[in-house]
Amino acid sequence: MSQSPSTETDQESAADAFTDECVLVLDFGSQYAQLIARRVREQNVYCRIVRHDLPAERIAALRPKGIILSGGPASVYQDGAPRCDPELFQLGIPVLGICYGMQLMCKALGGDVAHTTSREYGRASLKVAQHRSLFDGLPDSMDVWMSHGDQISGVGEAFETLAYTATCPFAAIVHKQLPVFGMQFHPEVTHTPLGSQVLHNFVIGVCGCEGTWHLADFADSLIEQVREQVGSRRVICGLSGGVDSSVVAALLYKAIGPQLSCILIDNGLLRKDEQAAVISEFTNHFKADLRVVHAEAQFLEALRGISEPQEKRRRIGYAFIDCFQKEAESIEDAHFLAQGTLYPDVIESGAAPDGPAATIKLHHNVGGLPEQLGFELIEPLRDLFKDEVRRLGEELGLPEVLVWRHPFPGPGLAVRCLGEVTREKLEVLREADEIVVNEIKAAGLYRQTSQSFAVLLPVQSVGVMGDARTYDNAVAIRSVNTDDFMTADWSRLPYDLLAKISTRIINEVKGVNRVCYDISSKPPATIEWE
């Protein structure tokens, strides 16, 4: 095995080499930063999220066609508030500031920012004063989404107004000499129905992008890069049966065929009958080498007595690496390790070069492999969002059952079994989870929902079954709808369906006497409970 792990710069090269059209999003802590990037990519323009304090010299070296300053929770007058390098406004590259980004831009270029008497949050009616640049081809009035505590109180002589609302006289502005724009509202959210057109006007109209980012072409580029990188050596791939690892396997199989070996770690944290389903689907669609490692005992021992979510993830990651390493050592000439890391994983783990440094989650497949593992890393999906991966899977000819399978967390059922994880709890959770998924499929709602599952809660409650008093487990049902998994809304499942799921779980799953439905959206909640 090689002892020369790839660098982060190497891992980022696939997308950068494919297109010379890139827009950068400077992240000031916005919950919508990734959504901005996705909306830009919908214009067939590649977009990267980078640190808010990236020096202007580094930004210029990346040669972006445009720069977007995201929103953020801070006030521009707050001590320690995030700042950008003011020299970036002098690069001649078009800049769009959104919400906090607009306020920061305005303050740097001579405008005034004031704290409003009350935070403005929700829909507003925007009046367009000038139908050019950002608002070319848009109506005189449009609904937009506001979310701010500060707003621009004066623009001086440097800016002119493009749009306004009843409470925000400078809802959109443009600098008179520089290609610098700002908007107080959020064009990236679905609550601004014409927001995509506003971003289109910036990316295509102002920045001059031609829209050369196409997944089919990107797949061909990736396949060629993998062939060139791998040569005649062997690649091993961790397979879980989810869409991410399946698309990675399909991509690698097209690139190198029999040089690919896949390893499935049965960690005891999979869904009911999942190991058999993965093996069947894999062998039906690939002819590559597949090895199954039975490691339930090792993982459950590692999790014994552990309740804290991040510590669960950490221990599962270490156990995974240990199992994977032992199996990989038996594969002759195994030089590369392929993983289904996605762009949100890279961003949220703080693993992206030039990217935001905050770690939201621990991902054992992002920068978590110890150097002694000794593989050169291949992460062909690390530039893509989940919806892009699904579309790529379709381009590669994967069947619908694989491409549209609901996501399953890397740590498996351990993060849906709240509190300490035991074999007995996992069996209860598996049975309940299977009922949830099967009933949603039977109702024809599996493709209409984005992720549906059961959660075993660490509480017991009193119930009555027959003539006897019970004190048993509570199960929560979680079902969400989302396009991007960065924001999500709870699914409005029919009452009759919820009643059927609840009745079946209580009647058929021993040890459960109460079922609840989670009606929390993301944000503020996350999709998974841990």
Protein backbone atom coordinates (compact mmCIF):
# COMPACT_ATOMS: atom_id res chain seq x y z
CA MET A 1 0.00 0.00 0.00
CA SER A 2 1.16 3.54 -0.76
CA GLN A 3 2.27 5.84 2.02
CA SER A 4 1.50 9.05 0.15
CA PRO A 5 -2.01 10.27 0.95
CA SER A 6 -3.42 12.75 -1.54
CA THR A 7 -3.53 16.40 -0.64
CA GLU A 8 -6.72 18.42 -0.29
CA THR A 9 -5.67 20.49 -3.28
CA ASP A 10 -5.47 17.35 -5.42
CA GLN A 11 -8.94 16.31 -4.28
CA GLU A 12 -10.41 19.66 -5.36
CA SER A 13 -8.87 19.54 -8.83
CA ALA A 14 -11.58 17.60 -10.67
CA ALA A 15 -14.15 20.40 -10.74
CA ASP A 16 -11.56 23.16 -11.13
CA ALA A 17 -10.03 21.42 -14.13
CA PHE A 18 -13.40 20.84 -15.74
CA THR A 19 -14.57 24.44 -16.03
CA ASP A 20 -13.04 27.91 -16.00
CA GLU A 21 -16.37 29.38 -14.86
CA CYS A 22 -16.54 29.53 -11.09
CA VAL A 23 -18.41 31.72 -8.61
CA LEU A 24 -17.15 31.95 -5.03
CA VAL A 25 -19.44 32.25 -2.00
CA LEU A 26 -17.72 33.87 0.98
CA ASP A 27 -19.38 32.32 4.04
CA PHE A 28 -20.10 34.64 6.98
CA GLY A 29 -21.86 31.95 9.00
CA SER A 30 -25.11 31.87 7.04
CA GLN A 31 -27.38 28.86 7.38
CA TYR A 32 -28.08 29.38 3.66
CA ALA A 33 -24.50 29.48 2.29
CA GLN A 34 -24.74 26.00 0.76
CA LEU A 35 -28.15 26.87 -0.66
CA ILE A 36 -26.63 29.88 -2.45
CA ALA A 37 -24.04 27.57 -4.01
CA ARG A 38 -26.72 25.15 -5.18
CA ARG A 39 -28.79 27.93 -6.72
CA VAL A 40 -25.74 29.13 -8.65
CA ARG A 41 -25.06 25.59 -9.88
CA GLU A 42 -28.64 25.45 -11.15
CA GLN A 43 -27.47 28.05 -13.66
CA ASN A 44 -24.92 25.43 -14.87
CA VAL A 45 -22.13 27.43 -13.27
CA TYR A 46 -19.75 25.79 -10.79
CA CYS A 47 -19.75 27.37 -7.33
CA ARG A 48 -17.45 26.95 -4.32
CA ILE A 49 -17.87 28.05 -0.70
CA VAL A 50 -14.79 29.65 0.82
CA ARG A 51 -13.74 31.42 4.03
CA HIS A 52 -15.07 34.93 4.56
CA ASP A 53 -11.57 36.26 5.33
CA LEU A 54 -9.86 34.84 2.24
CA PRO A 55 -7.26 37.43 1.14
CA ALA A 56 -8.02 39.35 -2.03
CA GLU A 57 -4.77 38.04 -3.51
CA ARG A 58 -5.93 34.44 -3.02
CA ILE A 59 -9.37 35.24 -4.45
CA ALA A 60 -7.76 36.72 -7.55
CA ALA A 61 -5.61 33.58 -7.93
CA LEU A 62 -8.78 31.43 -8.00
CA ARG A 63 -9.98 33.48 -11.02
CA PRO A 64 -13.72 33.53 -10.16
CA LYS A 65 -16.19 35.06 -12.56
CA GLY A 66 -18.15 36.41 -9.60
CA ILE A 67 -18.16 36.66 -5.81
CA ILE A 68 -21.16 36.37 -3.49
CA LEU A 69 -20.98 37.52 0.14
CA SER A 70 -23.40 35.40 2.17
CA GLY A 71 -25.65 36.47 4.99
CA GLY A 72 -24.78 35.76 8.60
CA PRO A 73 -26.05 36.09 12.18
CA ALA A 74 -23.65 38.86 13.27
CA SER A 75 -24.02 42.65 13.26
CA VAL A 76 -21.40 44.61 11.33
CA TYR A 77 -20.86 46.72 14.49
CA GLN A 78 -20.36 43.72 16.75
CA ASP A 79 -16.92 43.15 18.27
CA GLY A 80 -15.28 40.27 16.45
CA ALA A 81 -17.86 40.32 13.64
CA PRO A 82 -16.57 38.49 10.53
CA ARG A 83 -15.04 40.75 7.91
CA CYS A 84 -13.86 40.27 4.34
CA ASP A 85 -10.72 41.74 2.79
CA PRO A 86 -11.93 45.17 1.53
CA GLU A 87 -9.46 44.91 -1.36
CA LEU A 88 -11.70 42.33 -3.02
CA PHE A 89 -14.05 45.15 -4.09
CA GLN A 90 -11.20 46.61 -6.15
CA LEU A 91 -10.44 43.41 -8.11
CA GLY A 92 -12.87 44.27 -10.91
CA ILE A 93 -14.76 41.01 -10.26
CA PRO A 94 -18.55 41.40 -9.86
CA VAL A 95 -19.60 41.14 -6.20
CA LEU A 96 -23.08 40.46 -4.81
CA GLY A 97 -23.67 41.00 -1.10
CA ILE A 98 -26.69 39.28 0.45
CA CYS A 99 -28.13 40.55 3.77
CA TYR A 100 -25.11 40.72 6.15
CA GLY A 101 -22.85 40.57 3.10
CA MET A 102 -24.60 43.63 1.69
CA GLN A 103 -24.25 45.52 4.97
CA LEU A 104 -20.55 44.68 5.19
CA MET A 105 -20.03 45.73 1.58
CA CYS A 106 -21.91 48.98 2.09
CA LYS A 107 -20.01 49.86 5.25
CA ALA A 108 -16.68 49.23 3.49
CA LEU A 109 -17.64 51.46 0.55
CA GLY A 110 -19.15 54.47 2.31
CA GLY A 111 -22.72 53.50 3.18
CA ASP A 112 -24.38 53.50 6.61
CA VAL A 113 -25.84 50.53 8.50
CA ALA A 114 -28.31 50.94 11.38
CA HIS A 115 -30.00 48.55 13.78
CA THR A 116 -33.74 48.31 13.15
CA THR A 117 -36.22 48.63 16.00
CA SER A 118 -37.42 45.07 15.42
CA ARG A 119 -35.97 42.13 13.54
CA GLU A 120 -37.59 41.75 10.11
CA TYR A 121 -38.25 38.10 9.38
CA GLY A 122 -40.64 36.79 6.75
CA ARG A 123 -42.19 37.71 3.43
CA ALA A 124 -42.13 41.25 2.09
CA SER A 125 -43.29 42.89 -1.13
CA LEU A 126 -40.35 44.23 -3.14
CA LYS A 127 -40.85 47.17 -5.51
CA VAL A 128 -38.38 47.32 -8.40
CA ALA A 129 -37.12 50.85 -9.09
CA GLN A 130 -34.82 49.98 -11.99
CA HIS A 131 -35.36 47.06 -14.37
CA ARG A 132 -31.71 46.43 -15.18
CA SER A 133 -28.84 44.21 -14.01
CA LEU A 134 -30.28 42.14 -11.14
CA PHE A 135 -33.89 42.89 -12.06
CA ASP A 136 -33.74 42.66 -15.83
CA GLY A 137 -36.97 41.09 -17.12
CA LEU A 138 -38.61 40.93 -13.67
CA PRO A 139 -42.00 42.43 -12.73
CA ASP A 140 -42.52 45.74 -10.93
CA SER A 141 -43.39 43.93 -7.71
CA MET A 142 -42.29 40.54 -6.31
CA ASP A 143 -42.42 38.59 -3.03
CA VAL A 144 -39.10 38.24 -1.22
CA TRP A 145 -37.89 36.74 2.06
CA MET A 146 -36.32 38.99 4.70
CA SER A 147 -34.27 37.88 7.70
CA HIS A 148 -32.28 40.66 9.37
CA GLY A 149 -31.87 42.89 12.40
CA ASP A 150 -29.69 45.58 10.76
CA GLN A 151 -30.28 47.25 7.43
CA ILE A 152 -28.80 49.98 5.23
CA SER A 153 -29.82 53.44 6.48
CA GLY A 154 -27.97 55.48 3.87
CA VAL A 155 -25.96 54.85 0.70
CA GLY A 156 -24.32 58.25 0.28
CA GLU A 157 -23.13 59.21 -3.19
CA ALA A 158 -21.55 55.85 -4.02
CA PHE A 159 -24.67 53.73 -4.57
CA GLU A 160 -28.05 53.96 -6.20
CA THR A 161 -31.24 52.09 -5.36
CA LEU A 162 -32.49 49.22 -7.52
CA ALA A 163 -35.42 48.09 -5.33
CA TYR A 164 -37.15 48.85 -2.03
CA THR A 165 -39.89 47.65 0.33
CA ALA A 166 -42.27 49.51 2.64
CA THR A 167 -39.84 49.19 5.54
CA CYS A 168 -36.50 48.89 3.69
CA PRO A 169 -35.69 51.83 1.36
CA PHE A 170 -32.47 50.17 0.12
CA ALA A 171 -33.56 46.57 -0.42
CA ALA A 172 -31.28 46.29 -3.46
CA ILE A 173 -28.48 48.64 -4.53
CA VAL A 174 -25.67 48.97 -7.07
CA HIS A 175 -22.38 50.89 -6.87
CA LYS A 176 -22.10 53.68 -9.42
CA GLN A 177 -18.50 52.93 -10.45
CA LEU A 178 -17.75 49.34 -9.33
CA PRO A 179 -19.48 46.07 -10.36
CA VAL A 180 -20.76 45.74 -6.80
CA PHE A 181 -24.37 44.88 -5.91
CA GLY A 182 -26.27 44.27 -2.70
CA MET A 183 -29.66 42.98 -1.63
CA GLN A 184 -31.20 42.88 1.82
CA PHE A 185 -33.49 39.94 0.99
CA HIS A 186 -32.53 36.30 0.39
CA PRO A 187 -32.86 35.24 -3.28
CA GLU A 188 -31.62 31.70 -2.56
CA VAL A 189 -34.62 30.49 -0.51
CA THR A 190 -37.81 29.10 -2.01
CA HIS A 191 -39.78 31.81 -0.16
CA THR A 192 -38.41 34.24 -2.77
CA PRO A 193 -40.16 32.69 -5.81
CA LEU A 194 -38.24 34.74 -8.40
CA GLY A 195 -34.94 34.52 -6.53
CA SER A 196 -33.43 32.09 -9.03
CA GLN A 197 -34.05 34.62 -11.80
CA VAL A 198 -32.34 37.32 -9.73
CA LEU A 199 -29.30 35.05 -9.27
CA HIS A 200 -29.43 34.14 -12.98
CA ASN A 201 -29.25 37.84 -13.82
CA PHE A 202 -26.17 38.21 -11.62
CA VAL A 203 -24.34 35.03 -12.65
CA ILE A 204 -25.15 35.09 -16.37
CA GLY A 205 -26.01 38.73 -17.03
CA VAL A 206 -23.54 40.56 -14.79
CA CYS A 207 -20.70 38.04 -14.41
CA GLY A 208 -20.89 36.92 -18.04
CA CYS A 209 -20.90 33.18 -17.29
CA GLU A 210 -21.97 30.95 -20.17
CA GLY A 211 -23.17 27.96 -18.11
CA THR A 212 -20.68 25.20 -18.99
CA TRP A 213 -21.17 23.10 -15.84
CA HIS A 214 -23.00 19.91 -16.94
CA LEU A 215 -22.99 16.69 -14.94
CA ALA A 216 -22.83 14.36 -17.94
CA ASP A 217 -19.67 16.06 -19.18
CA PHE A 218 -18.34 16.22 -15.62
CA ALA A 219 -18.80 12.44 -15.27
CA ASP A 220 -16.75 11.85 -18.43
CA SER A 221 -14.07 14.17 -17.07
CA LEU A 222 -14.03 12.33 -13.73
CA ILE A 223 -13.75 8.92 -15.39
CA GLU A 224 -10.75 10.07 -17.41
CA GLN A 225 -9.09 11.62 -14.36
CA VAL A 226 -9.62 8.43 -12.33
CA ARG A 227 -8.08 6.31 -15.11
CA GLU A 228 -5.09 8.62 -15.32
CA GLN A 229 -4.62 8.71 -11.54
CA VAL A 230 -5.06 4.97 -10.94
CA GLY A 231 -3.17 3.55 -13.88
CA SER A 232 -2.87 -0.22 -13.47
CA ARG A 233 -3.18 -0.21 -9.69
CA ARG A 234 -6.13 -1.30 -7.54
CA VAL A 235 -8.85 0.76 -5.82
CA ILE A 236 -10.92 -0.31 -2.83
CA CYS A 237 -14.28 1.29 -2.10
CA GLY A 238 -16.39 1.24 1.05
CA LEU A 239 -19.90 0.18 0.04
CA SER A 240 -22.97 0.88 2.13
CA GLY A 241 -25.80 0.50 -0.39
CA GLY A 242 -26.65 4.20 -0.20
CA VAL A 243 -26.74 6.39 -3.29
CA ASP A 244 -23.37 8.03 -2.57
CA SER A 245 -21.28 4.86 -2.36
CA SER A 246 -23.29 3.28 -5.20
CA VAL A 247 -22.56 6.20 -7.52
CA VAL A 248 -18.87 6.11 -6.55
CA ALA A 249 -18.76 2.37 -7.31
CA ALA A 250 -20.53 2.89 -10.67
CA LEU A 251 -18.16 5.70 -11.62
CA LEU A 252 -15.08 3.67 -10.68
CA TYR A 253 -16.38 0.55 -12.42
CA LYS A 254 -16.80 2.53 -15.64
CA ALA A 255 -13.30 3.93 -15.21
CA ILE A 256 -11.26 0.87 -14.16
CA GLY A 257 -13.56 -2.20 -14.21
CA PRO A 258 -11.91 -5.24 -12.56
CA GLN A 259 -9.34 -3.09 -10.73
CA LEU A 260 -12.08 -2.21 -8.24
CA SER A 261 -12.71 -4.11 -4.98
CA CYS A 262 -15.62 -3.12 -2.72
CA ILE A 263 -15.85 -3.77 1.01
CA LEU A 264 -19.14 -3.86 2.90
CA ILE A 265 -18.73 -3.55 6.68
CA ASP A 266 -21.73 -5.14 8.41
CA ASN A 267 -21.40 -3.18 11.64
CA GLY A 268 -24.66 -4.37 13.19
CA LEU A 269 -26.07 -0.87 12.72
CA LEU A 270 -27.72 -1.47 9.35
CA ARG A 271 -31.46 -1.55 8.64
CA LYS A 272 -33.38 -4.81 8.56
CA ASP A 273 -32.12 -7.20 5.85
CA GLU A 274 -29.95 -4.43 4.42
CA GLN A 275 -26.83 -6.53 4.02
CA ALA A 276 -28.66 -9.04 1.80
CA ALA A 277 -30.28 -6.24 -0.23
CA VAL A 278 -26.95 -4.49 -0.82
CA ILE A 279 -25.27 -7.72 -1.93
CA SER A 280 -28.13 -8.54 -4.30
CA GLU A 281 -28.26 -5.07 -5.86
CA PHE A 282 -24.50 -4.87 -6.16
CA THR A 283 -24.05 -8.24 -7.84
CA ASN A 284 -26.94 -7.49 -10.23
CA HIS A 285 -25.34 -4.27 -11.49
CA PHE A 286 -21.59 -4.67 -11.00
CA LYS A 287 -19.12 -7.46 -11.66
CA ALA A 288 -16.47 -6.10 -9.33
CA ASP A 289 -15.02 -7.92 -6.33
CA LEU A 290 -17.26 -7.58 -3.23
CA ARG A 291 -16.10 -8.54 0.28
CA VAL A 292 -18.38 -8.55 3.34
CA VAL A 293 -16.93 -8.08 6.84
CA HIS A 294 -19.13 -9.24 9.74
CA ALA A 295 -18.23 -6.91 12.61
CA GLU A 296 -21.36 -6.40 14.74
CA ALA A 297 -19.67 -7.55 17.96
CA GLN A 298 -16.74 -5.18 17.51
CA PHE A 299 -18.95 -2.13 16.92
CA LEU A 300 -21.35 -2.86 19.78
CA GLU A 301 -18.41 -3.31 22.13
CA ALA A 302 -17.00 0.04 21.01
CA LEU A 303 -20.38 1.68 21.72
CA ARG A 304 -20.97 0.06 25.11
CA GLY A 305 -21.91 2.67 27.71
CA ILE A 306 -21.67 5.59 25.24
CA SER A 307 -24.58 8.03 24.94
CA GLU A 308 -22.99 11.26 23.64
CA PRO A 309 -23.70 11.64 19.89
CA GLN A 310 -20.30 12.92 18.77
CA GLU A 311 -18.51 10.25 20.80
CA LYS A 312 -20.70 7.62 19.12
CA ARG A 313 -19.65 8.92 15.71
CA ARG A 314 -16.01 9.00 16.74
CA ARG A 315 -15.98 5.42 18.03
CA ILE A 316 -17.87 4.13 15.00
CA GLY A 317 -15.33 5.89 12.78
CA TYR A 318 -12.38 4.26 14.55
CA ALA A 319 -14.03 0.82 14.47
CA PHE A 320 -14.79 1.25 10.78
CA ILE A 321 -11.19 2.16 10.01
CA ASP A 322 -9.89 -0.82 11.99
CA CYS A 323 -12.18 -3.29 10.16
CA PHE A 324 -11.57 -1.73 6.80
CA GLN A 325 -7.80 -1.73 7.24
CA LYS A 326 -7.68 -5.41 8.19
CA GLU A 327 -9.76 -6.42 5.17
CA ALA A 328 -7.86 -4.11 2.82
CA GLU A 329 -4.56 -5.72 3.81
CA SER A 330 -5.78 -8.95 2.21
CA ILE A 331 -6.31 -7.23 -1.18
CA GLU A 332 -3.17 -7.39 -3.27
CA ASP A 333 -1.86 -4.11 -4.68
CA ALA A 334 -4.56 -2.04 -2.94
CA HIS A 335 -3.25 1.48 -3.42
CA PHE A 336 -6.27 3.80 -3.49
CA LEU A 337 -9.28 4.25 -1.21
CA ALA A 338 -12.48 5.62 -2.78
CA GLN A 339 -15.19 7.22 -0.66
CA GLY A 340 -18.58 8.82 -1.25
CA THR A 341 -17.73 12.12 0.41
CA LEU A 342 -20.07 14.94 -0.70
CA TYR A 343 -19.52 18.70 -0.75
CA PRO A 344 -21.67 19.38 2.35
CA ASP A 345 -19.55 16.77 4.22
CA VAL A 346 -16.40 18.62 3.20
CA ILE A 347 -17.80 22.02 4.22
CA GLU A 348 -19.39 20.89 7.51
CA SER A 349 -16.29 19.00 8.61
CA GLY A 350 -14.00 21.99 8.00
CA ALA A 351 -11.98 19.92 5.52
CA ALA A 352 -12.12 22.15 2.43
CA PRO A 353 -9.08 24.17 1.36
CA ASP A 354 -9.99 27.87 1.66
CA GLY A 355 -13.34 26.73 3.09
CA PRO A 356 -15.12 27.62 6.34
CA ALA A 357 -13.28 26.17 9.34
CA ALA A 358 -16.26 25.42 11.60
CA THR A 359 -16.96 21.75 12.24
CA ILE A 360 -20.67 20.96 12.43
CA LYS A 361 -20.38 17.16 12.32
CA LEU A 362 -17.71 14.55 12.54
CA HIS A 363 -17.57 12.54 9.33
CA HIS A 364 -15.36 9.47 9.49
CA ASN A 365 -14.98 9.64 5.72
CA VAL A 366 -13.68 13.22 5.61
CA GLY A 367 -10.13 13.67 6.79
CA GLY A 368 -10.72 11.01 9.42
CA LEU A 369 -8.43 8.34 8.05
CA PRO A 370 -5.19 8.07 10.05
CA GLU A 371 -2.01 8.41 8.08
CA GLN A 372 -1.00 4.85 8.96
CA LEU A 373 -3.89 3.54 6.83
CA GLY A 374 -1.59 4.34 3.95
CA PHE A 375 -4.02 4.78 1.04
CA GLU A 376 -4.13 7.51 -1.52
CA LEU A 377 -7.63 8.93 -1.33
CA ILE A 378 -10.10 9.20 -4.22
CA GLU A 379 -13.28 11.18 -3.50
CA PRO A 380 -14.88 11.77 -6.91
CA LEU A 381 -18.11 13.24 -5.47
CA ARG A 382 -16.56 15.74 -3.08
CA ASP A 383 -17.55 18.67 -5.34
CA LEU A 384 -21.23 17.64 -5.56
CA PHE A 385 -24.43 18.12 -3.57
CA LYS A 386 -26.84 15.23 -2.92
CA ASP A 387 -29.28 16.12 -5.71
CA GLU A 388 -26.36 16.37 -8.15
CA VAL A 389 -25.18 12.91 -7.08
CA ARG A 390 -28.63 11.47 -7.83
CA ARG A 391 -28.61 13.06 -11.28
CA LEU A 392 -25.11 11.71 -11.84
CA GLY A 393 -26.33 8.24 -10.84
CA GLU A 394 -29.03 8.47 -13.50
CA GLU A 395 -26.42 9.59 -16.06
CA LEU A 396 -24.38 6.49 -15.16
CA GLY A 397 -27.38 4.21 -15.69
CA LEU A 398 -27.99 3.13 -12.09
CA PRO A 399 -31.48 1.74 -11.38
CA GLU A 400 -34.11 3.87 -9.69
CA VAL A 401 -34.10 1.74 -6.52
CA LEU A 402 -30.47 2.72 -5.91
CA VAL A 403 -30.57 6.32 -7.09
CA TRP A 404 -33.68 7.30 -5.11
CA ARG A 405 -33.11 5.29 -1.93
CA HIS A 406 -33.59 7.53 1.09
CA PRO A 407 -30.28 8.61 2.67
CA PHE A 408 -28.94 6.60 5.59
CA PRO A 409 -26.43 8.11 8.03
CA GLY A 410 -22.85 6.85 8.05
CA PRO A 411 -23.06 5.85 11.74
CA GLY A 412 -26.22 3.89 10.89
CA LEU A 413 -28.94 3.22 13.43
CA ALA A 414 -26.61 4.29 16.26
CA VAL A 415 -27.69 7.92 15.78
CA ARG A 416 -31.36 6.93 15.64
CA CYS A 417 -31.10 4.90 18.84
CA LEU A 418 -30.86 7.71 21.37
CA GLY A 419 -28.79 7.03 24.45
CA GLU A 420 -26.69 3.89 24.82
CA VAL A 421 -26.81 1.51 21.87
CA THR A 422 -27.56 -2.15 22.59
CA ARG A 423 -28.40 -5.15 20.43
CA GLU A 424 -31.89 -5.31 21.99
CA LYS A 425 -32.64 -1.64 21.27
CA LEU A 426 -31.41 -2.00 17.70
CA GLU A 427 -33.79 -4.92 17.08
CA VAL A 428 -36.74 -2.83 18.30
CA LEU A 429 -35.64 0.08 16.12
CA ARG A 430 -35.16 -2.11 13.02
CA GLU A 431 -38.66 -3.52 13.24
CA ALA A 432 -40.23 -0.09 13.76
CA ASP A 433 -38.16 1.46 10.97
CA GLU A 434 -39.14 -1.24 8.48
CA ILE A 435 -42.82 -0.60 9.18
CA VAL A 436 -42.38 3.16 8.61
CA VAL A 437 -40.59 2.74 5.27
CA ASN A 438 -42.83 -0.07 3.98
CA GLU A 439 -46.06 1.80 4.77
CA ILE A 440 -44.79 5.00 3.12
CA LYS A 441 -43.86 2.95 0.05
CA ALA A 442 -47.26 1.23 0.07
CA ALA A 443 -48.95 4.65 0.17
CA GLY A 444 -46.99 5.70 -2.94
CA LEU A 445 -45.20 8.47 -1.05
CA TYR A 446 -41.61 7.20 -1.00
CA ARG A 447 -40.47 9.41 -3.91
CA GLN A 448 -42.57 12.31 -2.61
CA THR A 449 -40.75 12.23 0.74
CA SER A 450 -36.99 12.75 0.99
CA GLN A 451 -36.15 10.81 4.15
CA SER A 452 -38.41 8.77 6.41
CA PHE A 453 -37.41 6.66 9.39
CA ALA A 454 -38.04 5.70 13.01
CA VAL A 455 -36.15 6.93 16.08
CA LEU A 456 -36.03 5.00 19.36
CA LEU A 457 -36.29 7.47 22.23
CA PRO A 458 -34.45 7.00 25.55
CA VAL A 459 -37.67 7.26 27.55
CA GLN A 460 -40.38 4.88 28.67
CA SER A 461 -43.99 5.78 29.20
CA VAL A 462 -47.05 4.23 30.81
CA GLY A 463 -49.54 2.41 28.61
CA VAL A 464 -52.30 -0.16 28.74
CA MET A 465 -52.32 -3.28 26.56
CA GLY A 466 -55.22 -5.59 27.10
CA ASP A 467 -55.95 -5.37 30.82
CA ALA A 468 -52.32 -4.90 31.81
CA ARG A 469 -50.34 -1.77 32.59
CA THR A 470 -47.18 -1.37 30.50
CA TYR A 471 -44.08 0.79 30.88
CA ASP A 472 -42.38 0.58 27.49
CA ASN A 473 -40.46 2.44 24.82
CA ALA A 474 -41.53 5.44 22.76
CA VAL A 475 -40.77 5.65 19.04
CA ALA A 476 -40.71 8.85 17.00
CA ILE A 477 -41.45 8.90 13.27
CA ARG A 478 -39.41 11.37 11.23
CA SER A 479 -40.27 12.22 7.61
CA VAL A 480 -39.01 15.29 5.77
CA ASN A 481 -39.25 16.89 2.34
CA THR A 482 -36.24 18.71 0.92
CA ASP A 483 -34.40 19.39 -2.33
CA ASP A 484 -30.95 19.75 -0.82
CA PHE A 485 -30.93 18.36 2.77
CA MET A 486 -29.56 21.69 3.99
CA THR A 487 -33.04 22.96 4.78
CA ALA A 488 -36.01 20.63 5.20
CA ASP A 489 -39.67 20.72 6.14
CA TRP A 490 -41.58 17.94 7.89
CA SER A 491 -43.75 15.85 5.59
CA ARG A 492 -47.51 16.37 5.81
CA LEU A 493 -48.27 12.65 5.84
CA PRO A 494 -51.98 11.74 5.77
CA TYR A 495 -53.50 11.11 9.20
CA ASP A 496 -54.74 7.70 8.11
CA LEU A 497 -51.21 6.71 7.13
CA LEU A 498 -49.78 7.91 10.44
CA ALA A 499 -52.50 6.02 12.28
CA LYS A 500 -51.71 2.84 10.36
CA ILE A 501 -47.97 3.15 11.06
CA SER A 502 -48.60 3.80 14.75
CA THR A 503 -51.00 0.88 15.10
CA ARG A 504 -48.66 -1.53 13.37
CA ILE A 505 -45.62 -0.49 15.42
CA ILE A 506 -47.46 -0.79 18.74
CA ASN A 507 -49.09 -4.08 17.80
CA GLU A 508 -46.12 -5.73 16.07
CA VAL A 509 -42.98 -4.38 17.77
CA LYS A 510 -42.51 -5.84 21.20
CA GLY A 511 -41.55 -3.24 23.81
CA VAL A 512 -43.18 -0.17 22.20
CA ASN A 513 -46.38 1.38 23.54
CA ARG A 514 -46.22 4.94 22.21
CA VAL A 515 -45.56 6.51 18.77
CA CYS A 516 -44.98 10.24 18.14
CA TYR A 517 -44.58 12.24 14.92
CA ASP A 518 -41.76 14.78 14.62
CA ILE A 519 -43.07 18.06 13.13
CA SER A 520 -39.79 20.01 13.38
CA SER A 521 -38.20 21.66 10.36
CA LYS A 522 -34.50 22.16 9.59
CA PRO A 523 -33.48 24.65 10.80
CA PRO A 524 -33.81 24.87 13.74
CA ALA A 525 -33.84 21.06 14.12
CA THR A 526 -31.57 18.73 12.16
CA ILE A 527 -32.95 15.84 10.12
CA GLU A 528 -31.31 13.17 12.28
CA TRP A 529 -31.90 13.35 16.02
CA GLU A 530 -28.20 12.88 16.81
